[in-house]
Amino acid sequence: MDRGLAPCETLLADKPLVPARFYDASWEVGRLALAPEYRSGPDALKRCLYLTLLHLVRTTSIENLFAACTPLLSRLYRRFGFSVLIKEAQEGNADPISLIHGHVPSVLMALASTDEEKLQAQMEMIRLAA
């Protein structure tokens, strides 16, 4: 983010209440497209997000995540360590959307499902802090 390319930037542009530290090494989470035969509910989404975020943590500078989603989906993302910044933002006559934010260590730990994944996530956070 911070290049004028991410849709979330439009929503954040007139919201000075967002702390400046939220923009540090920030990325926008976009859509996940899965063929119908691979859609098995929130666990598939959680697993995809975990693997993607783990890869990003290992290969790039990433501290914060943003996403624009429906208010219904924002409740799901809260289970993944995100918090709602704007509950019902509206652009023009479009349906309401929520703007969510997640701090990478919190999101990665929330996405880790097994003991092995939790240990892996903790090790990555220790490595980044060093």
N, C-alpha and C. Protein backbone atom coordinates (compact mmCIF):
# COMPACT_ATOMS: atom_id res chain seq x y z
N MET A 1 0.85 -1.18 0.00
CA MET A 1 0.00 0.00 0.00
C MET A 1 0.89 1.24 0.00
N ASP A 2 0.28 2.36 0.10
CA ASP A 2 0.96 3.66 0.12
C ASP A 2 1.56 4.00 -1.25
N ARG A 3 0.98 3.44 -2.29
CA ARG A 3 1.41 3.73 -3.66
C ARG A 3 0.23 4.22 -4.50
N GLY A 4 -0.94 4.33 -3.90
CA GLY A 4 -2.12 4.77 -4.62
C GLY A 4 -2.75 3.69 -5.47
N LEU A 5 -2.39 2.43 -5.25
CA LEU A 5 -2.90 1.34 -6.07
C LEU A 5 -3.95 0.49 -5.38
N ALA A 6 -3.92 0.42 -4.07
CA ALA A 6 -4.80 -0.47 -3.33
C ALA A 6 -6.15 0.20 -3.05
N PRO A 7 -7.25 -0.50 -3.32
CA PRO A 7 -8.58 0.06 -3.06
C PRO A 7 -8.79 0.52 -1.62
N CYS A 8 -8.15 -0.13 -0.67
CA CYS A 8 -8.30 0.29 0.73
C CYS A 8 -7.78 1.70 0.96
N GLU A 9 -6.81 2.12 0.15
CA GLU A 9 -6.26 3.46 0.31
C GLU A 9 -7.33 4.53 0.10
N THR A 10 -8.27 4.28 -0.80
CA THR A 10 -9.36 5.22 -1.03
C THR A 10 -10.19 5.38 0.23
N LEU A 11 -10.48 4.27 0.90
CA LEU A 11 -11.26 4.33 2.13
C LEU A 11 -10.49 4.99 3.26
N LEU A 12 -9.18 4.83 3.28
CA LEU A 12 -8.36 5.39 4.34
C LEU A 12 -8.02 6.86 4.11
N ALA A 13 -8.16 7.32 2.89
CA ALA A 13 -7.72 8.67 2.54
C ALA A 13 -8.36 9.75 3.41
N ASP A 14 -9.62 9.60 3.73
CA ASP A 14 -10.29 10.63 4.52
C ASP A 14 -10.54 10.19 5.96
N LYS A 15 -9.76 9.24 6.44
CA LYS A 15 -9.89 8.73 7.81
C LYS A 15 -8.59 8.95 8.59
N PRO A 16 -8.35 10.17 9.07
CA PRO A 16 -7.09 10.43 9.77
C PRO A 16 -7.00 9.76 11.15
N LEU A 17 -8.04 9.03 11.55
CA LEU A 17 -8.03 8.38 12.85
C LEU A 17 -7.18 7.12 12.88
N VAL A 18 -6.77 6.64 11.71
CA VAL A 18 -5.95 5.44 11.63
C VAL A 18 -4.52 5.81 12.00
N PRO A 19 -3.95 5.15 13.02
CA PRO A 19 -2.58 5.48 13.43
C PRO A 19 -1.58 5.30 12.29
N ALA A 20 -0.60 6.19 12.23
CA ALA A 20 0.40 6.15 11.15
C ALA A 20 1.14 4.83 11.12
N ARG A 21 1.36 4.18 12.26
CA ARG A 21 2.09 2.92 12.31
C ARG A 21 1.36 1.80 11.56
N PHE A 22 0.06 1.95 11.32
CA PHE A 22 -0.68 0.95 10.57
C PHE A 22 -0.24 0.90 9.11
N TYR A 23 0.39 1.96 8.63
CA TYR A 23 0.82 2.01 7.24
C TYR A 23 2.19 1.38 7.03
N ASP A 24 2.93 1.11 8.11
CA ASP A 24 4.26 0.54 7.99
C ASP A 24 4.19 -0.84 7.34
N ALA A 25 4.94 -1.01 6.28
CA ALA A 25 5.01 -2.29 5.58
C ALA A 25 3.63 -2.92 5.44
N SER A 26 2.69 -2.14 4.95
CA SER A 26 1.31 -2.61 4.86
C SER A 26 1.00 -3.20 3.48
N TRP A 27 0.15 -4.19 3.52
CA TRP A 27 -0.30 -4.89 2.32
C TRP A 27 -1.81 -5.00 2.37
N GLU A 28 -2.43 -5.00 1.21
CA GLU A 28 -3.87 -5.21 1.15
C GLU A 28 -4.16 -6.66 0.77
N VAL A 29 -5.05 -7.28 1.53
CA VAL A 29 -5.49 -8.64 1.23
C VAL A 29 -6.63 -8.53 0.22
N GLY A 30 -6.49 -9.22 -0.90
CA GLY A 30 -7.51 -9.17 -1.94
C GLY A 30 -8.39 -10.39 -1.94
N ARG A 31 -8.93 -10.69 -3.05
CA ARG A 31 -9.85 -11.82 -3.18
C ARG A 31 -9.09 -13.13 -3.32
N LEU A 32 -9.72 -14.16 -2.81
CA LEU A 32 -9.21 -15.51 -2.96
C LEU A 32 -10.18 -16.25 -3.87
N ALA A 33 -9.69 -16.73 -4.98
CA ALA A 33 -10.54 -17.45 -5.93
C ALA A 33 -10.22 -18.94 -5.86
N LEU A 34 -11.23 -19.71 -5.50
CA LEU A 34 -11.09 -21.17 -5.43
C LEU A 34 -12.16 -21.82 -6.29
N ALA A 35 -11.78 -22.86 -7.00
CA ALA A 35 -12.77 -23.63 -7.76
C ALA A 35 -13.77 -24.22 -6.78
N PRO A 36 -15.02 -24.36 -7.18
CA PRO A 36 -16.06 -24.87 -6.27
C PRO A 36 -15.70 -26.17 -5.56
N GLU A 37 -15.01 -27.06 -6.24
CA GLU A 37 -14.69 -28.34 -5.61
C GLU A 37 -13.68 -28.22 -4.47
N TYR A 38 -13.02 -27.05 -4.35
CA TYR A 38 -12.05 -26.85 -3.27
C TYR A 38 -12.60 -25.97 -2.16
N ARG A 39 -13.82 -25.52 -2.28
CA ARG A 39 -14.43 -24.67 -1.26
C ARG A 39 -15.01 -25.55 -0.16
N SER A 40 -14.33 -25.54 0.96
CA SER A 40 -14.78 -26.39 2.06
C SER A 40 -15.07 -25.60 3.32
N GLY A 41 -15.32 -24.33 3.19
CA GLY A 41 -15.66 -23.52 4.35
C GLY A 41 -14.50 -22.70 4.86
N PRO A 42 -14.67 -22.13 6.06
CA PRO A 42 -13.67 -21.21 6.60
C PRO A 42 -12.31 -21.85 6.84
N ASP A 43 -12.26 -23.16 7.04
CA ASP A 43 -10.96 -23.80 7.27
C ASP A 43 -10.06 -23.73 6.05
N ALA A 44 -10.64 -23.83 4.85
CA ALA A 44 -9.84 -23.71 3.63
C ALA A 44 -9.30 -22.29 3.49
N LEU A 45 -10.13 -21.31 3.77
CA LEU A 45 -9.69 -19.91 3.72
C LEU A 45 -8.58 -19.67 4.75
N LYS A 46 -8.78 -20.18 5.94
CA LYS A 46 -7.79 -20.00 7.01
C LYS A 46 -6.45 -20.60 6.60
N ARG A 47 -6.48 -21.79 6.03
CA ARG A 47 -5.25 -22.46 5.61
C ARG A 47 -4.55 -21.70 4.48
N CYS A 48 -5.31 -21.25 3.50
CA CYS A 48 -4.74 -20.46 2.40
C CYS A 48 -4.10 -19.18 2.92
N LEU A 49 -4.80 -18.49 3.81
CA LEU A 49 -4.26 -17.25 4.37
C LEU A 49 -3.00 -17.51 5.19
N TYR A 50 -2.99 -18.59 5.96
CA TYR A 50 -1.82 -18.92 6.76
C TYR A 50 -0.60 -19.16 5.87
N LEU A 51 -0.75 -19.99 4.85
CA LEU A 51 0.37 -20.31 3.97
C LEU A 51 0.85 -19.07 3.21
N THR A 52 -0.09 -18.24 2.78
CA THR A 52 0.29 -17.02 2.05
C THR A 52 1.02 -16.05 2.96
N LEU A 53 0.48 -15.84 4.16
CA LEU A 53 1.12 -14.90 5.09
C LEU A 53 2.48 -15.41 5.54
N LEU A 54 2.61 -16.70 5.78
CA LEU A 54 3.91 -17.26 6.15
C LEU A 54 4.92 -17.01 5.04
N HIS A 55 4.52 -17.22 3.80
CA HIS A 55 5.41 -16.95 2.67
C HIS A 55 5.81 -15.47 2.63
N LEU A 56 4.85 -14.57 2.81
CA LEU A 56 5.16 -13.14 2.77
C LEU A 56 6.08 -12.73 3.91
N VAL A 57 5.86 -13.27 5.08
CA VAL A 57 6.73 -12.96 6.22
C VAL A 57 8.16 -13.37 5.93
N ARG A 58 8.32 -14.48 5.24
CA ARG A 58 9.65 -15.00 4.94
C ARG A 58 10.33 -14.28 3.77
N THR A 59 9.56 -13.63 2.91
CA THR A 59 10.15 -13.11 1.67
C THR A 59 10.07 -11.59 1.50
N THR A 60 9.33 -10.91 2.35
CA THR A 60 9.18 -9.47 2.16
C THR A 60 8.98 -8.78 3.50
N SER A 61 8.98 -7.48 3.46
CA SER A 61 8.72 -6.69 4.67
C SER A 61 7.21 -6.50 4.79
N ILE A 62 6.63 -7.08 5.82
CA ILE A 62 5.18 -7.00 6.01
C ILE A 62 4.89 -6.92 7.51
N GLU A 63 4.14 -5.90 7.89
CA GLU A 63 3.78 -5.70 9.29
C GLU A 63 2.28 -5.56 9.50
N ASN A 64 1.59 -5.04 8.49
CA ASN A 64 0.17 -4.75 8.63
C ASN A 64 -0.60 -5.21 7.40
N LEU A 65 -1.83 -5.65 7.64
CA LEU A 65 -2.71 -6.09 6.56
C LEU A 65 -4.01 -5.30 6.61
N PHE A 66 -4.51 -4.95 5.44
CA PHE A 66 -5.80 -4.29 5.31
C PHE A 66 -6.65 -5.11 4.34
N ALA A 67 -7.95 -4.98 4.48
CA ALA A 67 -8.87 -5.58 3.52
C ALA A 67 -10.20 -4.84 3.58
N ALA A 68 -10.85 -4.79 2.44
CA ALA A 68 -12.22 -4.28 2.36
C ALA A 68 -13.10 -5.49 2.07
N CYS A 69 -14.15 -5.64 2.86
CA CYS A 69 -15.02 -6.81 2.70
C CYS A 69 -16.42 -6.45 3.17
N THR A 70 -17.34 -7.37 2.97
CA THR A 70 -18.70 -7.14 3.46
C THR A 70 -18.69 -7.17 4.99
N PRO A 71 -19.65 -6.49 5.61
CA PRO A 71 -19.72 -6.56 7.08
C PRO A 71 -19.83 -8.00 7.59
N LEU A 72 -20.49 -8.86 6.84
CA LEU A 72 -20.61 -10.27 7.24
C LEU A 72 -19.24 -10.94 7.26
N LEU A 73 -18.44 -10.72 6.22
CA LEU A 73 -17.11 -11.33 6.17
C LEU A 73 -16.18 -10.74 7.23
N SER A 74 -16.41 -9.49 7.62
CA SER A 74 -15.54 -8.88 8.63
C SER A 74 -15.62 -9.66 9.94
N ARG A 75 -16.78 -10.25 10.23
CA ARG A 75 -16.90 -11.08 11.44
C ARG A 75 -16.03 -12.32 11.33
N LEU A 76 -15.96 -12.92 10.15
CA LEU A 76 -15.09 -14.07 9.95
C LEU A 76 -13.63 -13.67 10.13
N TYR A 77 -13.23 -12.56 9.53
CA TYR A 77 -11.85 -12.12 9.61
C TYR A 77 -11.44 -11.76 11.04
N ARG A 78 -12.38 -11.36 11.88
CA ARG A 78 -12.04 -11.09 13.28
C ARG A 78 -11.54 -12.37 13.95
N ARG A 79 -12.06 -13.52 13.54
CA ARG A 79 -11.56 -14.80 14.08
C ARG A 79 -10.13 -15.06 13.64
N PHE A 80 -9.69 -14.40 12.59
CA PHE A 80 -8.34 -14.56 12.07
C PHE A 80 -7.39 -13.47 12.56
N GLY A 81 -7.77 -12.72 13.58
CA GLY A 81 -6.88 -11.73 14.16
C GLY A 81 -7.02 -10.31 13.63
N PHE A 82 -7.99 -10.08 12.76
CA PHE A 82 -8.22 -8.74 12.23
C PHE A 82 -9.16 -7.97 13.16
N SER A 83 -9.13 -6.65 13.04
CA SER A 83 -10.10 -5.82 13.75
C SER A 83 -10.76 -4.90 12.72
N VAL A 84 -11.96 -4.47 13.02
CA VAL A 84 -12.71 -3.62 12.11
C VAL A 84 -12.34 -2.16 12.38
N LEU A 85 -11.87 -1.47 11.34
CA LEU A 85 -11.56 -0.05 11.45
C LEU A 85 -12.78 0.81 11.13
N ILE A 86 -13.47 0.43 10.07
CA ILE A 86 -14.68 1.15 9.64
C ILE A 86 -15.73 0.08 9.39
N LYS A 87 -16.82 0.13 10.16
CA LYS A 87 -17.82 -0.94 10.09
C LYS A 87 -18.60 -0.93 8.79
N GLU A 88 -19.09 0.20 8.38
CA GLU A 88 -19.89 0.26 7.15
C GLU A 88 -19.52 1.49 6.34
N ALA A 89 -18.42 1.39 5.63
CA ALA A 89 -18.02 2.45 4.71
C ALA A 89 -18.83 2.26 3.43
N GLN A 90 -19.10 3.32 2.77
CA GLN A 90 -19.91 3.22 1.55
C GLN A 90 -19.27 4.07 0.47
N GLU A 91 -19.15 3.53 -0.71
CA GLU A 91 -18.64 4.27 -1.86
C GLU A 91 -19.77 4.43 -2.85
N GLY A 92 -20.27 5.64 -2.99
CA GLY A 92 -21.37 5.90 -3.92
C GLY A 92 -22.61 5.15 -3.50
N ASN A 93 -23.27 4.51 -4.44
CA ASN A 93 -24.49 3.77 -4.16
C ASN A 93 -24.23 2.28 -3.93
N ALA A 94 -22.98 1.93 -3.73
CA ALA A 94 -22.61 0.52 -3.56
C ALA A 94 -23.08 0.00 -2.20
N ASP A 95 -23.09 -1.32 -2.08
CA ASP A 95 -23.41 -1.95 -0.80
C ASP A 95 -22.36 -1.56 0.23
N PRO A 96 -22.73 -1.55 1.50
CA PRO A 96 -21.75 -1.20 2.54
C PRO A 96 -20.61 -2.21 2.59
N ILE A 97 -19.44 -1.70 2.89
CA ILE A 97 -18.26 -2.55 3.06
C ILE A 97 -17.60 -2.17 4.38
N SER A 98 -16.85 -3.10 4.92
CA SER A 98 -16.07 -2.84 6.13
C SER A 98 -14.60 -2.78 5.77
N LEU A 99 -13.88 -1.96 6.48
CA LEU A 99 -12.43 -1.87 6.32
C LEU A 99 -11.83 -2.53 7.55
N ILE A 100 -10.99 -3.54 7.33
CA ILE A 100 -10.40 -4.27 8.45
C ILE A 100 -8.88 -4.15 8.42
N HIS A 101 -8.27 -4.33 9.58
CA HIS A 101 -6.82 -4.24 9.72
C HIS A 101 -6.34 -5.38 10.61
N GLY A 102 -5.17 -5.89 10.29
CA GLY A 102 -4.55 -6.91 11.14
C GLY A 102 -3.06 -6.66 11.26
N HIS A 103 -2.56 -6.77 12.47
CA HIS A 103 -1.12 -6.70 12.69
C HIS A 103 -0.57 -8.10 12.43
N VAL A 104 0.42 -8.22 11.59
CA VAL A 104 0.88 -9.52 11.07
C VAL A 104 1.14 -10.56 12.16
N PRO A 105 1.87 -10.25 13.23
CA PRO A 105 2.08 -11.32 14.23
C PRO A 105 0.77 -11.86 14.81
N SER A 106 -0.18 -11.00 15.08
CA SER A 106 -1.46 -11.43 15.63
C SER A 106 -2.23 -12.28 14.63
N VAL A 107 -2.23 -11.86 13.38
CA VAL A 107 -2.97 -12.59 12.35
C VAL A 107 -2.31 -13.95 12.11
N LEU A 108 -0.99 -13.97 12.00
CA LEU A 108 -0.31 -15.24 11.75
C LEU A 108 -0.58 -16.24 12.87
N MET A 109 -0.54 -15.78 14.11
CA MET A 109 -0.81 -16.69 15.23
C MET A 109 -2.27 -17.14 15.23
N ALA A 110 -3.19 -16.27 14.88
CA ALA A 110 -4.61 -16.64 14.84
C ALA A 110 -4.88 -17.64 13.72
N LEU A 111 -4.12 -17.56 12.64
CA LEU A 111 -4.31 -18.47 11.51
C LEU A 111 -3.68 -19.84 11.74
N ALA A 112 -2.69 -19.89 12.63
CA ALA A 112 -2.01 -21.16 12.90
C ALA A 112 -2.99 -22.11 13.59
N SER A 113 -3.23 -23.25 12.98
CA SER A 113 -4.24 -24.19 13.50
C SER A 113 -3.66 -25.31 14.35
N THR A 114 -2.48 -25.79 13.98
CA THR A 114 -1.90 -26.94 14.69
C THR A 114 -0.76 -26.45 15.58
N ASP A 115 -0.33 -27.30 16.48
CA ASP A 115 0.81 -26.96 17.34
C ASP A 115 2.05 -26.69 16.49
N GLU A 116 2.22 -27.47 15.43
CA GLU A 116 3.37 -27.28 14.53
C GLU A 116 3.32 -25.91 13.86
N GLU A 117 2.14 -25.51 13.39
CA GLU A 117 1.99 -24.19 12.75
C GLU A 117 2.22 -23.07 13.76
N LYS A 118 1.73 -23.25 14.98
CA LYS A 118 1.93 -22.22 16.01
C LYS A 118 3.40 -22.05 16.33
N LEU A 119 4.12 -23.15 16.43
CA LEU A 119 5.57 -23.09 16.67
C LEU A 119 6.27 -22.43 15.50
N GLN A 120 5.87 -22.80 14.29
CA GLN A 120 6.44 -22.22 13.07
C GLN A 120 6.21 -20.70 13.06
N ALA A 121 5.02 -20.27 13.38
CA ALA A 121 4.68 -18.84 13.40
C ALA A 121 5.50 -18.12 14.47
N GLN A 122 5.62 -18.71 15.65
CA GLN A 122 6.41 -18.10 16.72
C GLN A 122 7.86 -17.95 16.31
N MET A 123 8.41 -18.97 15.66
CA MET A 123 9.80 -18.92 15.22
C MET A 123 10.01 -17.81 14.19
N GLU A 124 9.06 -17.64 13.29
CA GLU A 124 9.17 -16.57 12.28
C GLU A 124 9.13 -15.20 12.94
N MET A 125 8.28 -15.03 13.94
CA MET A 125 8.18 -13.74 14.63
C MET A 125 9.46 -13.45 15.42
N ILE A 126 10.05 -14.49 16.02
CA ILE A 126 11.33 -14.32 16.72
C ILE A 126 12.43 -13.94 15.74
N ARG A 127 12.43 -14.62 14.58
CA ARG A 127 13.45 -14.33 13.56
C ARG A 127 13.33 -12.88 13.08
N LEU A 128 12.10 -12.40 12.90
CA LEU A 128 11.92 -11.03 12.43
C LEU A 128 12.31 -10.00 13.48
N ALA A 129 12.09 -10.33 14.73
CA ALA A 129 12.41 -9.39 15.81
C ALA A 129 13.92 -9.27 16.03
N ALA A 130 14.67 -10.28 15.60
CA ALA A 130 16.13 -10.28 15.83
C ALA A 130 16.85 -9.33 14.92
